[in-house]
Amino acid sequence: MRTIAQVISWLSLVLLLAPSVLFLMNRMPLETVKTTMTVATVVWFVSASLWMWNPKKQ
């Protein structure tokens, strides 16, 4: 579960960066950028809190 949450959180960070680059290249409209980045932010907060707040058991 921890590994899956880590992968999802890293992918959501990539999803936060990609729309802004696409917008600057005039490949994506502003409304789509806003929606995509909002969803990616929520996904990041959920997935990152799942693995960052629970220390790995030894």
Protein backbone atom coordinates (compact mmCIF):
# COMPACT_ATOMS: atom_id res chain seq x y z
CA MET A 1 0.00 0.00 0.00
CA ARG A 2 2.83 2.38 0.89
CA THR A 3 4.60 1.85 -2.44
CA ILE A 4 1.40 2.41 -4.41
CA ALA A 5 0.76 5.65 -2.53
CA GLN A 6 4.32 6.80 -3.25
CA VAL A 7 3.97 6.12 -6.97
CA ILE A 8 0.62 7.91 -7.12
CA SER A 9 2.02 10.94 -5.27
CA TRP A 10 5.01 11.20 -7.63
CA LEU A 11 2.77 10.86 -10.68
CA SER A 12 0.49 13.58 -9.38
CA LEU A 13 3.50 15.89 -9.01
CA VAL A 14 4.32 15.26 -12.66
CA LEU A 15 0.69 15.96 -13.47
CA LEU A 16 1.06 19.30 -11.68
CA LEU A 17 4.01 20.29 -13.82
CA ALA A 18 2.83 19.11 -17.24
CA PRO A 19 -0.24 21.38 -17.69
CA SER A 20 1.71 24.53 -16.97
CA VAL A 21 4.31 23.60 -19.58
CA LEU A 22 1.59 22.69 -22.07
CA PHE A 23 -0.16 25.99 -21.40
CA LEU A 24 3.03 27.94 -22.04
CA MET A 25 3.40 26.08 -25.34
CA ASN A 26 -0.23 27.02 -26.24
CA ARG A 27 -1.27 23.35 -26.30
CA MET A 28 -3.82 23.46 -23.47
CA PRO A 29 -6.49 26.05 -22.59
CA LEU A 30 -6.36 27.79 -19.21
CA GLU A 31 -9.58 26.23 -17.88
CA THR A 32 -8.25 22.74 -18.53
CA VAL A 33 -4.99 23.64 -16.79
CA LYS A 34 -6.86 24.88 -13.73
CA THR A 35 -9.02 21.76 -13.53
CA THR A 36 -6.13 19.36 -14.06
CA MET A 37 -3.95 21.05 -11.48
CA THR A 38 -6.74 21.19 -8.91
CA VAL A 39 -7.41 17.47 -9.25
CA ALA A 40 -3.69 16.66 -9.16
CA THR A 41 -3.26 18.74 -6.01
CA VAL A 42 -6.04 16.89 -4.20
CA VAL A 43 -4.64 13.53 -5.32
CA TRP A 44 -1.17 14.53 -4.12
CA PHE A 45 -2.39 15.62 -0.68
CA VAL A 46 -4.29 12.38 -0.19
CA SER A 47 -1.63 10.02 -1.49
CA ALA A 48 1.33 11.79 0.12
CA SER A 49 -0.36 11.86 3.51
CA LEU A 50 -0.92 8.11 3.30
CA TRP A 51 2.77 7.31 3.15
CA MET A 52 4.46 10.31 4.77
CA TRP A 53 2.53 10.27 8.04
CA ASN A 54 2.86 6.53 8.61
CA PRO A 55 6.49 5.62 9.31
CA LYS A 56 7.65 2.38 7.79
CA LYS A 57 7.41 -0.42 10.33
CA GLN A 58 10.65 -2.26 11.07
